[in-house]
């Protein structure tokens, strides 16, 4: 079964994300899924707060395919 996840990332954050290949991982447990969520959701938000970056209304879509 292939699950497709879509991350909504502000363009100003894009340079800080790892290459797309990083997204193609096998989720063997919930903990990996949670760590991905923390890495790609909470950390960028904290980065926004710390660096006080203006959040724009323009978003790029990163499609990730997770094989379960």
PDB file of N, CA and C in Angstrom:
ATOM      1  N   UNK A   1       0.840  -1.184   0.000  1.00  0.00           N
ATOM      2  CA  UNK A   1       0.000   0.000   0.000  1.00  0.00           C
ATOM      3  C   UNK A   1       0.888   1.252   0.000  1.00  0.00           C
ATOM      4  N   UNK A   2       0.570   2.185  -0.860  1.00  0.00           N
ATOM      5  CA  UNK A   2       1.345   3.421  -0.938  1.00  0.00           C
ATOM      6  C   UNK A   2       0.500   4.578  -0.448  1.00  0.00           C
ATOM      7  N   UNK A   3       1.039   5.266   0.541  1.00  0.00           N
ATOM      8  CA  UNK A   3       0.349   6.433   1.065  1.00  0.00           C
ATOM      9  C   UNK A   3       1.061   7.680   0.572  1.00  0.00           C
ATOM     10  N   UNK A   4       0.309   8.648   0.106  1.00  0.00           N
ATOM     11  CA  UNK A   4       0.919   9.890  -0.351  1.00  0.00           C
ATOM     12  C   UNK A   4       0.644  10.989   0.657  1.00  0.00           C
ATOM     13  N   UNK A   5       1.734  11.574   1.125  1.00  0.00           N
ATOM     14  CA  UNK A   5       1.611  12.680   2.065  1.00  0.00           C
ATOM     15  C   UNK A   5       1.947  13.974   1.349  1.00  0.00           C
ATOM     16  N   UNK A   6       1.227  15.017   1.633  1.00  0.00           N
ATOM     17  CA  UNK A   6       1.526  16.322   1.053  1.00  0.00           C
ATOM     18  C   UNK A   6       1.894  17.286   2.165  1.00  0.00           C
ATOM     19  N   UNK A   7       3.087  17.839   2.046  1.00  0.00           N
ATOM     20  CA  UNK A   7       3.526  18.825   3.024  1.00  0.00           C
ATOM     21  C   UNK A   7       3.374  20.210   2.427  1.00  0.00           C
ATOM     22  N   UNK A   8       2.836  21.120   3.191  1.00  0.00           N
ATOM     23  CA  UNK A   8       2.707  22.498   2.736  1.00  0.00           C
ATOM     24  C   UNK A   8       3.872  23.288   3.321  1.00  0.00           C
ATOM     25  N   UNK A   9       4.780  23.693   2.445  1.00  0.00           N
ATOM     26  CA  UNK A   9       6.005  24.336   2.909  1.00  0.00           C
ATOM     27  C   UNK A   9       6.114  25.733   2.326  1.00  0.00           C
ATOM     28  N   UNK A  10       6.378  26.682   3.178  1.00  0.00           N
ATOM     29  CA  UNK A  10       6.593  28.049   2.714  1.00  0.00           C
ATOM     30  C   UNK A  10       7.880  28.105   1.903  1.00  0.00           C
ATOM     31  N   UNK A  11       7.901  28.868   0.801  1.00  0.00           N
ATOM     32  CA  UNK A  11       9.090  28.953  -0.049  1.00  0.00           C
ATOM     33  C   UNK A  11      10.342  29.379   0.721  1.00  0.00           C
ATOM     34  N   UNK A  12      10.177  30.194   1.730  1.00  0.00           N
ATOM     35  CA  UNK A  12      11.344  30.645   2.484  1.00  0.00           C
ATOM     36  C   UNK A  12      11.966  29.505   3.292  1.00  0.00           C
ATOM     37  N   UNK A  13      11.189  28.442   3.478  1.00  0.00           N
ATOM     38  CA  UNK A  13      11.694  27.287   4.223  1.00  0.00           C
ATOM     39  C   UNK A  13      12.348  26.245   3.334  1.00  0.00           C
ATOM     40  N   UNK A  14      12.025  26.275   2.056  1.00  0.00           N
ATOM     41  CA  UNK A  14      12.466  25.236   1.134  1.00  0.00           C
ATOM     42  C   UNK A  14      13.971  24.951   1.177  1.00  0.00           C
ATOM     43  N   UNK A  15      14.821  25.983   1.242  1.00  0.00           N
ATOM     44  CA  UNK A  15      16.266  25.709   1.257  1.00  0.00           C
ATOM     45  C   UNK A  15      16.726  24.911   2.470  1.00  0.00           C
ATOM     46  N   UNK A  16      15.932  24.904   3.537  1.00  0.00           N
ATOM     47  CA  UNK A  16      16.340  24.219   4.757  1.00  0.00           C
ATOM     48  C   UNK A  16      15.910  22.758   4.785  1.00  0.00           C
ATOM     49  N   UNK A  17      15.098  22.356   3.806  1.00  0.00           N
ATOM     50  CA  UNK A  17      14.640  20.973   3.773  1.00  0.00           C
ATOM     51  C   UNK A  17      15.664  20.089   3.078  1.00  0.00           C
ATOM     52  N   UNK A  18      15.782  18.835   3.510  1.00  0.00           N
ATOM     53  CA  UNK A  18      16.690  17.901   2.846  1.00  0.00           C
ATOM     54  C   UNK A  18      16.201  17.576   1.445  1.00  0.00           C
ATOM     55  N   UNK A  19      17.051  16.947   0.623  1.00  0.00           N
ATOM     56  CA  UNK A  19      16.663  16.580  -0.745  1.00  0.00           C
ATOM     57  C   UNK A  19      15.440  15.669  -0.738  1.00  0.00           C
ATOM     58  N   UNK A  20      14.683  15.665  -1.833  1.00  0.00           N
ATOM     59  CA  UNK A  20      13.445  14.877  -1.914  1.00  0.00           C
ATOM     60  C   UNK A  20      13.660  13.386  -1.627  1.00  0.00           C
ATOM     61  N   UNK A  21      14.866  12.869  -1.934  1.00  0.00           N
ATOM     62  CA  UNK A  21      15.112  11.446  -1.716  1.00  0.00           C
ATOM     63  C   UNK A  21      14.906  11.063  -0.254  1.00  0.00           C
ATOM     64  N   UNK A  22      15.138  11.988   0.634  1.00  0.00           N
ATOM     65  CA  UNK A  22      14.985  11.726   2.066  1.00  0.00           C
ATOM     66  C   UNK A  22      13.550  11.301   2.386  1.00  0.00           C
ATOM     67  N   UNK A  23      12.602  11.809   1.596  1.00  0.00           N
ATOM     68  CA  UNK A  23      11.195  11.531   1.873  1.00  0.00           C
ATOM     69  C   UNK A  23      10.811  10.088   1.557  1.00  0.00           C
ATOM     70  N   UNK A  24      11.593   9.445   0.694  1.00  0.00           N
ATOM     71  CA  UNK A  24      11.231   8.097   0.281  1.00  0.00           C
ATOM     72  C   UNK A  24      11.785   7.076   1.272  1.00  0.00           C
ATOM     73  N   UNK A  25      11.099   6.914   2.382  1.00  0.00           N
ATOM     74  CA  UNK A  25      11.540   5.961   3.394  1.00  0.00           C
ATOM     75  C   UNK A  25      10.402   5.015   3.720  1.00  0.00           C
ATOM     76  N   UNK A  26      10.781   3.901   4.288  1.00  0.00           N
ATOM     77  CA  UNK A  26       9.774   2.925   4.694  1.00  0.00           C
ATOM     78  C   UNK A  26       9.388   3.194   6.146  1.00  0.00           C
ATOM     79  N   UNK A  27       8.101   3.382   6.374  1.00  0.00           N
ATOM     80  CA  UNK A  27       7.649   3.631   7.741  1.00  0.00           C
ATOM     81  C   UNK A  27       7.354   2.299   8.421  1.00  0.00           C
ATOM     82  N   UNK A  28       8.326   1.827   9.186  1.00  0.00           N
ATOM     83  CA  UNK A  28       8.167   0.529   9.844  1.00  0.00           C
ATOM     84  C   UNK A  28       7.434   0.644  11.171  1.00  0.00           C
ATOM     85  N   UNK A  29       7.425   1.828  11.731  1.00  0.00           N
ATOM     86  CA  UNK A  29       6.731   1.997  13.006  1.00  0.00           C
ATOM     87  C   UNK A  29       6.157   3.396  13.108  1.00  0.00           C
ATOM     88  N   UNK A  30       5.278   3.575  14.055  1.00  0.00           N
ATOM     89  CA  UNK A  30       4.643   4.870  14.260  1.00  0.00           C
ATOM     90  C   UNK A  30       5.663   5.910  14.715  1.00  0.00           C
ATOM     91  N   UNK A  31       6.686   5.466  15.434  1.00  0.00           N
ATOM     92  CA  UNK A  31       7.678   6.404  15.959  1.00  0.00           C
ATOM     93  C   UNK A  31       8.395   7.135  14.831  1.00  0.00           C
ATOM     94  N   UNK A  32       8.668   6.423  13.726  1.00  0.00           N
ATOM     95  CA  UNK A  32       9.322   7.069  12.587  1.00  0.00           C
ATOM     96  C   UNK A  32       8.395   8.126  12.006  1.00  0.00           C
ATOM     97  N   UNK A  33       7.118   7.782  11.936  1.00  0.00           N
ATOM     98  CA  UNK A  33       6.141   8.724  11.405  1.00  0.00           C
ATOM     99  C   UNK A  33       6.068   9.967  12.280  1.00  0.00           C
ATOM    100  N   UNK A  34       6.081   9.758  13.596  1.00  0.00           N
ATOM    101  CA  UNK A  34       6.034  10.880  14.532  1.00  0.00           C
ATOM    102  C   UNK A  34       7.295  11.730  14.417  1.00  0.00           C
ATOM    103  N   UNK A  35       8.454  11.077  14.288  1.00  0.00           N
ATOM    104  CA  UNK A  35       9.701  11.829  14.178  1.00  0.00           C
ATOM    105  C   UNK A  35       9.732  12.643  12.892  1.00  0.00           C
ATOM    106  N   UNK A  36       9.160  12.083  11.814  1.00  0.00           N
ATOM    107  CA  UNK A  36       9.056  12.837  10.563  1.00  0.00           C
ATOM    108  C   UNK A  36       8.173  14.052  10.762  1.00  0.00           C
ATOM    109  N   UNK A  37       7.063  13.844  11.468  1.00  0.00           N
ATOM    110  CA  UNK A  37       6.153  14.955  11.736  1.00  0.00           C
ATOM    111  C   UNK A  37       6.874  16.049  12.521  1.00  0.00           C
ATOM    112  N   UNK A  38       7.618  15.643  13.541  1.00  0.00           N
ATOM    113  CA  UNK A  38       8.354  16.609  14.353  1.00  0.00           C
ATOM    114  C   UNK A  38       9.392  17.341  13.521  1.00  0.00           C
ATOM    115  N   UNK A  39      10.083  16.571  12.663  1.00  0.00           N
ATOM    116  CA  UNK A  39      11.175  17.160  11.889  1.00  0.00           C
ATOM    117  C   UNK A  39      10.667  18.146  10.840  1.00  0.00           C
ATOM    118  N   UNK A  40       9.576  17.793  10.174  1.00  0.00           N
ATOM    119  CA  UNK A  40       9.113  18.608   9.051  1.00  0.00           C
ATOM    120  C   UNK A  40       7.991  19.575   9.408  1.00  0.00           C
ATOM    121  N   UNK A  41       7.453  19.453  10.615  1.00  0.00           N
ATOM    122  CA  UNK A  41       6.354  20.337  10.992  1.00  0.00           C
ATOM    123  C   UNK A  41       6.742  21.257  12.142  1.00  0.00           C
ATOM    124  N   UNK A  42       7.127  20.663  13.262  1.00  0.00           N
ATOM    125  CA  UNK A  42       7.414  21.478  14.441  1.00  0.00           C
ATOM    126  C   UNK A  42       8.713  22.265  14.320  1.00  0.00           C
ATOM    127  N   UNK A  43       9.763  21.625  13.810  1.00  0.00           N
ATOM    128  CA  UNK A  43      11.043  22.328  13.689  1.00  0.00           C
ATOM    129  C   UNK A  43      10.968  23.535  12.762  1.00  0.00           C
ATOM    130  N   UNK A  44      10.346  23.402  11.579  1.00  0.00           N
ATOM    131  CA  UNK A  44      10.197  24.597  10.730  1.00  0.00           C
ATOM    132  C   UNK A  44       9.385  25.694  11.413  1.00  0.00           C
ATOM    133  N   UNK A  45       8.358  25.304  12.164  1.00  0.00           N
ATOM    134  CA  UNK A  45       7.563  26.316  12.861  1.00  0.00           C
ATOM    135  C   UNK A  45       8.406  27.026  13.914  1.00  0.00           C
ATOM    136  N   UNK A  46       9.216  26.257  14.627  1.00  0.00           N
ATOM    137  CA  UNK A  46      10.114  26.861  15.610  1.00  0.00           C
ATOM    138  C   UNK A  46      11.116  27.772  14.919  1.00  0.00           C
ATOM    139  N   UNK A  47      11.565  27.333  13.749  1.00  0.00           N
ATOM    140  CA  UNK A  47      12.495  28.145  12.966  1.00  0.00           C
ATOM    141  C   UNK A  47      11.847  29.473  12.606  1.00  0.00           C
ATOM    142  N   UNK A  48      10.557  29.418  12.249  1.00  0.00           N
ATOM    143  CA  UNK A  48       9.821  30.646  11.944  1.00  0.00           C
ATOM    144  C   UNK A  48       9.817  31.577  13.155  1.00  0.00           C
ATOM    145  N   UNK A  49       9.544  30.995  14.316  1.00  0.00           N
ATOM    146  CA  UNK A  49       9.439  31.812  15.522  1.00  0.00           C
ATOM    147  C   UNK A  49      10.791  32.423  15.895  1.00  0.00           C
ATOM    148  N   UNK A  50      11.829  31.595  15.865  1.00  0.00           N
ATOM    149  CA  UNK A  50      13.154  32.051  16.285  1.00  0.00           C
ATOM    150  C   UNK A  50      13.705  33.111  15.331  1.00  0.00           C
ATOM    151  N   UNK A  51      13.576  32.846  14.028  1.00  0.00           N
ATOM    152  CA  UNK A  51      14.144  33.768  13.053  1.00  0.00           C
ATOM    153  C   UNK A  51      13.182  34.896  12.684  1.00  0.00           C
ATOM    154  N   UNK A  52      11.947  34.794  13.198  1.00  0.00           N
ATOM    155  CA  UNK A  52      10.927  35.793  12.904  1.00  0.00           C
ATOM    156  C   UNK A  52      10.772  36.025  11.397  1.00  0.00           C
ATOM    157  N   UNK A  53      10.667  34.913  10.679  1.00  0.00           N
ATOM    158  CA  UNK A  53      10.487  34.981   9.227  1.00  0.00           C
ATOM    159  C   UNK A  53       9.017  35.252   8.926  1.00  0.00           C
ATOM    160  N   UNK A  54       8.755  36.140   8.002  1.00  0.00           N
ATOM    161  CA  UNK A  54       7.377  36.413   7.608  1.00  0.00           C
ATOM    162  C   UNK A  54       6.816  35.207   6.859  1.00  0.00           C
ATOM    163  N   UNK A  55       5.651  34.742   7.289  1.00  0.00           N
ATOM    164  CA  UNK A  55       5.006  33.619   6.616  1.00  0.00           C
ATOM    165  C   UNK A  55       4.156  34.166   5.470  1.00  0.00           C
ATOM    166  N   UNK A  56       4.448  33.706   4.272  1.00  0.00           N
ATOM    167  CA  UNK A  56       3.707  34.190   3.106  1.00  0.00           C
ATOM    168  C   UNK A  56       2.510  33.290   2.834  1.00  0.00           C
ATOM    169  N   UNK A  57       1.670  33.706   1.923  1.00  0.00           N
ATOM    170  CA  UNK A  57       0.507  32.901   1.556  1.00  0.00           C
ATOM    171  C   UNK A  57       0.807  32.027   0.350  1.00  0.00           C
ATOM    172  N   UNK A  58       2.046  32.062  -0.095  1.00  0.00           N
ATOM    173  CA  UNK A  58       2.444  31.230  -1.227  1.00  0.00           C
ATOM    174  C   UNK A  58       3.074  29.954  -0.696  1.00  0.00           C
ATOM    175  N   UNK A  59       2.629  28.828  -1.198  1.00  0.00           N
ATOM    176  CA  UNK A  59       3.153  27.562  -0.713  1.00  0.00           C
ATOM    177  C   UNK A  59       3.585  26.691  -1.875  1.00  0.00           C
ATOM    178  N   UNK A  60       4.609  25.878  -1.619  1.00  0.00           N
ATOM    179  CA  UNK A  60       4.951  24.859  -2.592  1.00  0.00           C
ATOM    180  C   UNK A  60       4.548  23.516  -2.003  1.00  0.00           C
ATOM    181  N   UNK A  61       4.213  22.593  -2.869  1.00  0.00           N
ATOM    182  CA  UNK A  61       3.746  21.296  -2.426  1.00  0.00           C
ATOM    183  C   UNK A  61       4.858  20.262  -2.603  1.00  0.00           C
ATOM    184  N   UNK A  62       5.157  19.574  -1.538  1.00  0.00           N
ATOM    185  CA  UNK A  62       6.122  18.489  -1.621  1.00  0.00           C
ATOM    186  C   UNK A  62       5.349  17.191  -1.421  1.00  0.00           C
ATOM    187  N   UNK A  63       5.291  16.370  -2.472  1.00  0.00           N
ATOM    188  CA  UNK A  63       4.555  15.118  -2.387  1.00  0.00           C
ATOM    189  C   UNK A  63       5.506  14.009  -1.960  1.00  0.00           C
ATOM    190  N   UNK A  64       5.168  13.340  -0.888  1.00  0.00           N
ATOM    191  CA  UNK A  64       6.002  12.253  -0.412  1.00  0.00           C
ATOM    192  C   UNK A  64       5.226  10.950  -0.516  1.00  0.00           C
ATOM    193  N   UNK A  65       5.916   9.918  -0.990  1.00  0.00           N
ATOM    194  CA  UNK A  65       5.283   8.612  -1.129  1.00  0.00           C
ATOM    195  C   UNK A  65       5.858   7.680  -0.073  1.00  0.00           C
ATOM    196  N   UNK A  66       5.004   7.206   0.795  1.00  0.00           N
ATOM    197  CA  UNK A  66       5.444   6.325   1.858  1.00  0.00           C
ATOM    198  C   UNK A  66       4.913   4.922   1.611  1.00  0.00           C
ATOM    199  N   UNK A  67       5.832   3.967   1.549  1.00  0.00           N
ATOM    200  CA  UNK A  67       5.430   2.598   1.283  1.00  0.00           C
ATOM    201  C   UNK A  67       5.175   1.872   2.593  1.00  0.00           C
ATOM    202  N   UNK A  68       3.927   1.442   2.771  1.00  0.00           N
ATOM    203  CA  UNK A  68       3.571   0.753   4.015  1.00  0.00           C
ATOM    204  C   UNK A  68       3.112  -0.672   3.700  1.00  0.00           C
TER     205      UNK A  68
END
